[in-house]
N, C-alpha and C. Protein backbone atom coordinates (compact mmCIF):
# COMPACT_ATOMS: atom_id res chain seq x y z
N MET A 1 -10.41 3.40 13.66
CA MET A 1 -9.04 3.46 13.18
C MET A 1 -8.85 4.78 12.42
N ASP A 2 -7.80 5.52 12.74
CA ASP A 2 -7.59 6.78 12.05
C ASP A 2 -6.84 6.57 10.72
N ILE A 3 -6.87 7.55 9.88
CA ILE A 3 -6.33 7.45 8.53
C ILE A 3 -4.82 7.21 8.53
N ASP A 4 -4.09 7.81 9.48
CA ASP A 4 -2.65 7.59 9.55
C ASP A 4 -2.32 6.13 9.84
N LEU A 5 -3.07 5.53 10.74
CA LEU A 5 -2.85 4.12 11.07
C LEU A 5 -3.19 3.23 9.88
N ILE A 6 -4.24 3.56 9.16
CA ILE A 6 -4.62 2.78 7.97
C ILE A 6 -3.54 2.88 6.91
N ILE A 7 -3.09 4.09 6.63
CA ILE A 7 -2.04 4.28 5.62
C ILE A 7 -0.75 3.58 6.05
N GLY A 8 -0.37 3.72 7.31
CA GLY A 8 0.84 3.07 7.81
C GLY A 8 0.75 1.56 7.73
N THR A 9 -0.40 1.01 8.04
CA THR A 9 -0.59 -0.44 7.99
C THR A 9 -0.52 -0.95 6.55
N ILE A 10 -1.18 -0.25 5.63
CA ILE A 10 -1.13 -0.66 4.23
C ILE A 10 0.30 -0.55 3.69
N ALA A 11 0.99 0.52 4.02
CA ALA A 11 2.38 0.69 3.58
C ALA A 11 3.27 -0.43 4.12
N ALA A 12 3.09 -0.76 5.39
CA ALA A 12 3.89 -1.83 6.00
C ALA A 12 3.63 -3.17 5.32
N ILE A 13 2.38 -3.45 5.03
CA ILE A 13 2.03 -4.72 4.37
C ILE A 13 2.64 -4.77 2.97
N LEU A 14 2.50 -3.70 2.20
CA LEU A 14 3.00 -3.70 0.83
C LEU A 14 4.53 -3.81 0.77
N THR A 15 5.22 -3.03 1.57
CA THR A 15 6.69 -3.09 1.53
C THR A 15 7.23 -4.40 2.07
N THR A 16 6.54 -4.99 3.01
CA THR A 16 6.97 -6.28 3.56
C THR A 16 6.73 -7.39 2.56
N VAL A 17 5.54 -7.43 1.98
CA VAL A 17 5.19 -8.49 1.02
C VAL A 17 6.05 -8.38 -0.24
N SER A 18 6.53 -7.19 -0.56
CA SER A 18 7.35 -7.02 -1.76
C SER A 18 8.64 -7.84 -1.70
N PHE A 19 9.10 -8.18 -0.52
CA PHE A 19 10.32 -8.99 -0.38
C PHE A 19 10.07 -10.48 -0.55
N LEU A 20 8.84 -10.90 -0.42
CA LEU A 20 8.52 -12.33 -0.46
C LEU A 20 8.96 -13.02 -1.75
N PRO A 21 8.70 -12.47 -2.95
CA PRO A 21 9.14 -13.16 -4.16
C PRO A 21 10.66 -13.38 -4.21
N GLN A 22 11.44 -12.38 -3.75
CA GLN A 22 12.89 -12.53 -3.76
C GLN A 22 13.35 -13.59 -2.77
N VAL A 23 12.72 -13.62 -1.60
CA VAL A 23 13.06 -14.62 -0.59
C VAL A 23 12.77 -16.02 -1.14
N ILE A 24 11.60 -16.20 -1.71
CA ILE A 24 11.22 -17.51 -2.23
C ILE A 24 12.18 -17.94 -3.34
N LYS A 25 12.49 -17.03 -4.26
CA LYS A 25 13.41 -17.36 -5.35
C LYS A 25 14.80 -17.69 -4.82
N THR A 26 15.28 -16.93 -3.86
CA THR A 26 16.61 -17.17 -3.30
C THR A 26 16.68 -18.51 -2.57
N VAL A 27 15.66 -18.82 -1.80
CA VAL A 27 15.64 -20.09 -1.07
C VAL A 27 15.55 -21.26 -2.04
N LYS A 28 14.73 -21.14 -3.08
CA LYS A 28 14.57 -22.23 -4.06
C LYS A 28 15.83 -22.45 -4.88
N THR A 29 16.42 -21.36 -5.39
CA THR A 29 17.56 -21.49 -6.31
C THR A 29 18.92 -21.42 -5.62
N ARG A 30 18.95 -20.82 -4.44
CA ARG A 30 20.19 -20.55 -3.73
C ARG A 30 21.16 -19.69 -4.54
N ASP A 31 20.64 -19.00 -5.53
CA ASP A 31 21.45 -18.16 -6.41
C ASP A 31 21.38 -16.70 -5.94
N THR A 32 22.51 -16.17 -5.53
CA THR A 32 22.56 -14.78 -5.07
C THR A 32 23.58 -13.96 -5.86
N LYS A 33 24.07 -14.50 -6.98
CA LYS A 33 25.11 -13.81 -7.75
C LYS A 33 24.70 -12.40 -8.17
N SER A 34 23.46 -12.22 -8.54
CA SER A 34 23.03 -10.91 -9.03
C SER A 34 22.59 -9.97 -7.91
N LEU A 35 22.65 -10.41 -6.67
CA LEU A 35 22.24 -9.57 -5.55
C LEU A 35 23.44 -8.84 -4.96
N SER A 36 23.25 -7.60 -4.60
CA SER A 36 24.32 -6.76 -4.08
C SER A 36 24.46 -6.94 -2.56
N LEU A 37 25.64 -7.40 -2.14
CA LEU A 37 25.91 -7.54 -0.70
C LEU A 37 25.86 -6.18 0.02
N PRO A 38 26.53 -5.14 -0.50
CA PRO A 38 26.45 -3.85 0.20
C PRO A 38 25.01 -3.34 0.34
N MET A 39 24.18 -3.55 -0.71
CA MET A 39 22.80 -3.11 -0.63
C MET A 39 22.07 -3.80 0.51
N TYR A 40 22.22 -5.13 0.61
CA TYR A 40 21.52 -5.86 1.66
C TYR A 40 22.07 -5.54 3.05
N LEU A 41 23.37 -5.29 3.17
CA LEU A 41 23.93 -4.89 4.46
C LEU A 41 23.36 -3.53 4.89
N LEU A 42 23.33 -2.59 3.96
CA LEU A 42 22.76 -1.27 4.27
C LEU A 42 21.27 -1.36 4.55
N PHE A 43 20.56 -2.16 3.76
CA PHE A 43 19.12 -2.28 3.93
C PHE A 43 18.77 -2.88 5.29
N VAL A 44 19.44 -3.97 5.66
CA VAL A 44 19.18 -4.61 6.96
C VAL A 44 19.48 -3.63 8.10
N THR A 45 20.56 -2.90 7.98
CA THR A 45 20.89 -1.90 9.00
C THR A 45 19.79 -0.84 9.08
N GLY A 46 19.33 -0.36 7.94
CA GLY A 46 18.26 0.62 7.91
C GLY A 46 16.96 0.10 8.52
N VAL A 47 16.64 -1.16 8.23
CA VAL A 47 15.42 -1.75 8.78
C VAL A 47 15.52 -1.87 10.31
N ILE A 48 16.69 -2.24 10.80
CA ILE A 48 16.89 -2.30 12.26
C ILE A 48 16.65 -0.92 12.87
N LEU A 49 17.18 0.11 12.22
CA LEU A 49 16.97 1.47 12.72
C LEU A 49 15.50 1.87 12.66
N TRP A 50 14.77 1.44 11.62
CA TRP A 50 13.33 1.71 11.54
C TRP A 50 12.59 1.04 12.70
N ILE A 51 13.01 -0.17 13.04
CA ILE A 51 12.37 -0.87 14.18
C ILE A 51 12.62 -0.09 15.47
N ILE A 52 13.84 0.36 15.67
CA ILE A 52 14.16 1.16 16.86
C ILE A 52 13.33 2.44 16.87
N TYR A 53 13.22 3.09 15.72
CA TYR A 53 12.40 4.30 15.60
C TYR A 53 10.94 4.00 15.93
N GLY A 54 10.42 2.91 15.38
CA GLY A 54 9.03 2.52 15.63
C GLY A 54 8.78 2.25 17.10
N ILE A 55 9.73 1.58 17.74
CA ILE A 55 9.59 1.30 19.17
C ILE A 55 9.60 2.60 19.98
N SER A 56 10.54 3.49 19.65
CA SER A 56 10.64 4.73 20.41
C SER A 56 9.42 5.63 20.21
N ASN A 57 8.74 5.48 19.08
CA ASN A 57 7.55 6.30 18.81
C ASN A 57 6.24 5.52 18.94
N LYS A 58 6.34 4.28 19.41
CA LYS A 58 5.17 3.42 19.62
C LYS A 58 4.29 3.33 18.38
N GLN A 59 4.92 3.02 17.25
CA GLN A 59 4.23 2.91 15.96
C GLN A 59 4.17 1.44 15.53
N ALA A 60 3.08 0.78 15.84
CA ALA A 60 2.94 -0.65 15.57
C ALA A 60 3.16 -1.02 14.10
N PRO A 61 2.60 -0.29 13.13
CA PRO A 61 2.85 -0.68 11.73
C PRO A 61 4.33 -0.65 11.36
N ILE A 62 5.05 0.32 11.87
CA ILE A 62 6.49 0.41 11.58
C ILE A 62 7.22 -0.75 12.25
N ILE A 63 6.89 -1.04 13.47
CA ILE A 63 7.55 -2.12 14.21
C ILE A 63 7.27 -3.47 13.55
N LEU A 64 6.00 -3.78 13.31
CA LEU A 64 5.63 -5.08 12.77
C LEU A 64 6.10 -5.27 11.34
N GLY A 65 5.85 -4.28 10.50
CA GLY A 65 6.26 -4.38 9.10
C GLY A 65 7.76 -4.55 8.95
N ASN A 66 8.51 -3.75 9.68
CA ASN A 66 9.97 -3.82 9.56
C ASN A 66 10.55 -5.06 10.22
N THR A 67 9.89 -5.59 11.23
CA THR A 67 10.37 -6.83 11.84
C THR A 67 10.25 -7.99 10.86
N VAL A 68 9.13 -8.08 10.16
CA VAL A 68 8.97 -9.14 9.16
C VAL A 68 9.91 -8.89 7.98
N THR A 69 10.04 -7.63 7.55
CA THR A 69 10.97 -7.30 6.47
C THR A 69 12.39 -7.65 6.87
N LEU A 70 12.76 -7.41 8.12
CA LEU A 70 14.08 -7.78 8.61
C LEU A 70 14.29 -9.28 8.50
N LEU A 71 13.31 -10.05 8.84
CA LEU A 71 13.41 -11.50 8.71
C LEU A 71 13.65 -11.89 7.25
N PHE A 72 12.84 -11.36 6.33
CA PHE A 72 12.99 -11.70 4.92
C PHE A 72 14.35 -11.26 4.38
N ALA A 73 14.74 -10.02 4.65
CA ALA A 73 16.01 -9.50 4.14
C ALA A 73 17.19 -10.24 4.76
N SER A 74 17.07 -10.64 6.01
CA SER A 74 18.14 -11.38 6.68
C SER A 74 18.33 -12.77 6.08
N ILE A 75 17.24 -13.39 5.67
CA ILE A 75 17.34 -14.69 5.00
C ILE A 75 18.15 -14.54 3.71
N ILE A 76 17.82 -13.54 2.92
CA ILE A 76 18.55 -13.30 1.68
C ILE A 76 20.01 -12.97 1.98
N LEU A 77 20.24 -12.12 2.96
CA LEU A 77 21.60 -11.74 3.33
C LEU A 77 22.42 -12.96 3.77
N CYS A 78 21.82 -13.84 4.54
CA CYS A 78 22.53 -15.06 4.97
C CYS A 78 22.90 -15.93 3.78
N TYR A 79 21.99 -16.08 2.83
CA TYR A 79 22.31 -16.85 1.62
C TYR A 79 23.45 -16.19 0.85
N LYS A 80 23.43 -14.86 0.76
CA LYS A 80 24.46 -14.13 0.04
C LYS A 80 25.81 -14.30 0.73
N ILE A 81 25.86 -14.16 2.02
CA ILE A 81 27.12 -14.32 2.76
C ILE A 81 27.62 -15.75 2.67
N ARG A 82 26.72 -16.72 2.80
CA ARG A 82 27.11 -18.13 2.70
C ARG A 82 27.69 -18.44 1.32
N ALA A 83 27.14 -17.83 0.28
CA ALA A 83 27.64 -18.05 -1.09
C ALA A 83 29.05 -17.52 -1.25
N LEU A 84 29.41 -16.48 -0.51
CA LEU A 84 30.77 -15.91 -0.60
C LEU A 84 31.80 -16.87 -0.01
N TRP A 85 31.39 -17.69 0.96
CA TRP A 85 32.31 -18.60 1.61
C TRP A 85 32.57 -19.87 0.82
N LYS A 86 31.74 -20.10 -0.21
CA LYS A 86 31.90 -21.33 -1.00
C LYS A 86 32.91 -21.17 -2.10
């Protein structure tokens, strides 16, 4: 394994896992009042673009890390949007 792949894999793991506490808290409490809707909309859009970039450059750490991050951020975004409708 080359150093770039190792660094990319570690970076993907760390940035992906960093969302886990927020996802768990949001799912448990269903409280999204302090979360910014524009931030999550921009972030999800950026993550989708990172996935496209990773696919076009055949970068597995970017693809896998951002796919899981997209799942976590989308869960939070769905809770935030659902809270606006209540």
